[in-house]
Structure formats: C-alpha cells, structure tokens
Amino acid sequence: MSNVPDPISTPNPGNPPIPTPTPPITEPEPDRLPDETPNPNPDENDAPPLSV
C-alpha cells in the first residue's frame, strides 16, 4: 500500500474532474448559406401570381 491517494476517489488539483459533456445545441441547422434566398425562384415569388 502506497501513500499515493487514489486519483479516482481523490481528484488531483492539477487535473480538475472532467465536466459532464453538454448536450448538443438543438438549433435548426440551415440547409443553405444565410446570404442565399430561401426561395428556389425568388423572381417568381417577387412577381405577382399569374393565376388570379
């Protein structure tokens, strides 16, 4: 038996215990670049509907 304390039962001051991993951020990942328009055809959306 050595006088060295068990690192599991006695955390080493030099090595703080590993914090529990934070869950992944639940943000909706954009399917496109933020500078891209979400509409596939912005020209058609900007133009007035033809079927009126």
N, C-alpha and C. Protein backbone atom coordinates (compact mmCIF):
# COMPACT_ATOMS: atom_id res chain seq x y z
N MET A 1 0.86 -1.20 0.00
CA MET A 1 0.00 0.00 0.00
C MET A 1 0.88 1.24 0.00
N SER A 2 0.69 2.07 -0.98
CA SER A 2 1.48 3.30 -1.04
C SER A 2 0.66 4.45 -0.47
N ASN A 3 1.36 5.54 -0.16
CA ASN A 3 0.67 6.70 0.41
C ASN A 3 0.03 7.56 -0.69
N VAL A 4 0.20 7.16 -1.95
CA VAL A 4 -0.38 7.94 -3.05
C VAL A 4 -1.89 7.74 -3.06
N PRO A 5 -2.66 8.81 -2.94
CA PRO A 5 -4.13 8.67 -2.92
C PRO A 5 -4.64 8.21 -4.27
N ASP A 6 -5.76 7.54 -4.26
CA ASP A 6 -6.36 7.06 -5.49
C ASP A 6 -6.88 8.25 -6.29
N PRO A 7 -6.43 8.43 -7.54
CA PRO A 7 -6.86 9.59 -8.33
C PRO A 7 -8.37 9.57 -8.60
N ILE A 8 -8.97 8.38 -8.53
CA ILE A 8 -10.41 8.31 -8.80
C ILE A 8 -11.19 8.85 -7.61
N SER A 9 -10.79 8.44 -6.39
CA SER A 9 -11.52 8.88 -5.20
C SER A 9 -11.07 10.29 -4.79
N THR A 10 -9.80 10.62 -5.07
CA THR A 10 -9.29 11.95 -4.71
C THR A 10 -8.86 12.67 -5.98
N PRO A 11 -9.69 13.59 -6.48
CA PRO A 11 -9.33 14.31 -7.71
C PRO A 11 -8.06 15.11 -7.53
N ASN A 12 -7.21 15.11 -8.53
CA ASN A 12 -5.94 15.83 -8.47
C ASN A 12 -6.21 17.32 -8.71
N PRO A 13 -5.71 18.20 -7.82
CA PRO A 13 -5.93 19.65 -8.00
C PRO A 13 -5.43 20.13 -9.36
N GLY A 14 -4.38 19.50 -9.88
CA GLY A 14 -3.83 19.90 -11.17
C GLY A 14 -4.72 19.47 -12.32
N ASN A 15 -5.50 18.41 -12.09
CA ASN A 15 -6.40 17.91 -13.13
C ASN A 15 -7.83 17.94 -12.61
N PRO A 16 -8.56 19.01 -12.88
CA PRO A 16 -9.94 19.09 -12.40
C PRO A 16 -10.78 17.99 -13.03
N PRO A 17 -11.79 17.51 -12.33
CA PRO A 17 -12.63 16.44 -12.89
C PRO A 17 -13.28 16.89 -14.19
N ILE A 18 -13.39 15.97 -15.12
CA ILE A 18 -13.97 16.32 -16.42
C ILE A 18 -15.46 16.61 -16.24
N PRO A 19 -15.92 17.78 -16.64
CA PRO A 19 -17.35 18.10 -16.51
C PRO A 19 -18.18 17.24 -17.45
N THR A 20 -19.42 17.04 -17.08
CA THR A 20 -20.28 16.23 -17.94
C THR A 20 -20.46 16.94 -19.28
N PRO A 21 -20.35 16.21 -20.37
CA PRO A 21 -20.47 16.84 -21.69
C PRO A 21 -21.84 17.47 -21.87
N THR A 22 -21.85 18.71 -22.33
CA THR A 22 -23.12 19.39 -22.53
C THR A 22 -23.83 18.81 -23.74
N PRO A 23 -25.14 18.70 -23.69
CA PRO A 23 -25.87 18.15 -24.84
C PRO A 23 -25.72 19.07 -26.04
N PRO A 24 -25.80 18.52 -27.25
CA PRO A 24 -25.65 19.35 -28.45
C PRO A 24 -26.74 20.41 -28.52
N ILE A 25 -26.38 21.58 -29.00
CA ILE A 25 -27.35 22.67 -29.11
C ILE A 25 -28.41 22.29 -30.14
N THR A 26 -29.67 22.40 -29.74
CA THR A 26 -30.74 21.98 -30.65
C THR A 26 -31.19 23.17 -31.48
N GLU A 27 -30.27 23.67 -32.31
CA GLU A 27 -30.63 24.77 -33.21
C GLU A 27 -30.87 24.18 -34.59
N PRO A 28 -31.91 24.63 -35.27
CA PRO A 28 -32.16 24.13 -36.63
C PRO A 28 -31.03 24.52 -37.57
N GLU A 29 -30.35 23.51 -38.11
CA GLU A 29 -29.22 23.83 -38.99
C GLU A 29 -29.75 24.30 -40.35
N PRO A 30 -29.28 25.45 -40.82
CA PRO A 30 -29.74 25.95 -42.12
C PRO A 30 -29.28 25.04 -43.25
N ASP A 31 -30.17 24.78 -44.19
CA ASP A 31 -29.83 23.92 -45.33
C ASP A 31 -29.03 24.68 -46.37
N ARG A 32 -28.90 25.99 -46.19
CA ARG A 32 -28.21 26.81 -47.20
C ARG A 32 -27.44 27.90 -46.49
N LEU A 33 -26.67 28.66 -47.24
CA LEU A 33 -25.92 29.77 -46.65
C LEU A 33 -26.89 30.87 -46.26
N PRO A 34 -26.59 31.61 -45.19
CA PRO A 34 -27.51 32.66 -44.72
C PRO A 34 -27.73 33.76 -45.76
N ASP A 35 -26.78 33.94 -46.69
CA ASP A 35 -26.93 35.00 -47.68
C ASP A 35 -27.76 34.53 -48.88
N GLU A 36 -28.06 33.21 -48.92
CA GLU A 36 -28.88 32.71 -50.03
C GLU A 36 -30.36 32.92 -49.72
N THR A 37 -31.14 33.13 -50.75
CA THR A 37 -32.58 33.30 -50.55
C THR A 37 -33.21 31.94 -50.31
N PRO A 38 -34.11 31.83 -49.34
CA PRO A 38 -34.73 30.53 -49.05
C PRO A 38 -35.61 30.04 -50.19
N ASN A 39 -36.08 30.94 -51.03
CA ASN A 39 -36.95 30.55 -52.14
C ASN A 39 -36.09 30.10 -53.33
N PRO A 40 -36.43 28.96 -53.94
CA PRO A 40 -35.65 28.49 -55.09
C PRO A 40 -35.78 29.43 -56.28
N ASN A 41 -36.93 30.09 -56.40
CA ASN A 41 -37.15 31.02 -57.51
C ASN A 41 -37.61 32.37 -56.95
N PRO A 42 -36.69 33.20 -56.50
CA PRO A 42 -37.08 34.49 -55.91
C PRO A 42 -37.78 35.38 -56.92
N ASP A 43 -37.42 35.25 -58.20
CA ASP A 43 -38.04 36.10 -59.22
C ASP A 43 -39.53 35.78 -59.35
N GLU A 44 -39.87 34.48 -59.28
CA GLU A 44 -41.27 34.10 -59.41
C GLU A 44 -42.06 34.53 -58.17
N ASN A 45 -41.40 34.48 -57.00
CA ASN A 45 -42.08 34.88 -55.78
C ASN A 45 -42.28 36.39 -55.74
N ASP A 46 -41.31 37.13 -56.28
CA ASP A 46 -41.43 38.60 -56.28
C ASP A 46 -42.50 39.04 -57.28
N ALA A 47 -42.64 38.30 -58.37
CA ALA A 47 -43.63 38.68 -59.38
C ALA A 47 -45.03 38.34 -58.88
N PRO A 48 -46.03 39.11 -59.28
CA PRO A 48 -47.41 38.82 -58.86
C PRO A 48 -47.86 37.49 -59.44
N PRO A 49 -48.71 36.77 -58.71
CA PRO A 49 -49.18 35.46 -59.22
C PRO A 49 -49.94 35.63 -60.53
N LEU A 50 -49.63 34.78 -61.53
CA LEU A 50 -50.27 34.91 -62.83
C LEU A 50 -51.66 34.27 -62.81
N SER A 51 -51.85 33.27 -61.92
CA SER A 51 -53.15 32.59 -61.89
C SER A 51 -54.06 33.30 -60.89
N VAL A 52 -54.62 34.45 -61.34
CA VAL A 52 -55.52 35.21 -60.45
C VAL A 52 -56.88 35.30 -61.12
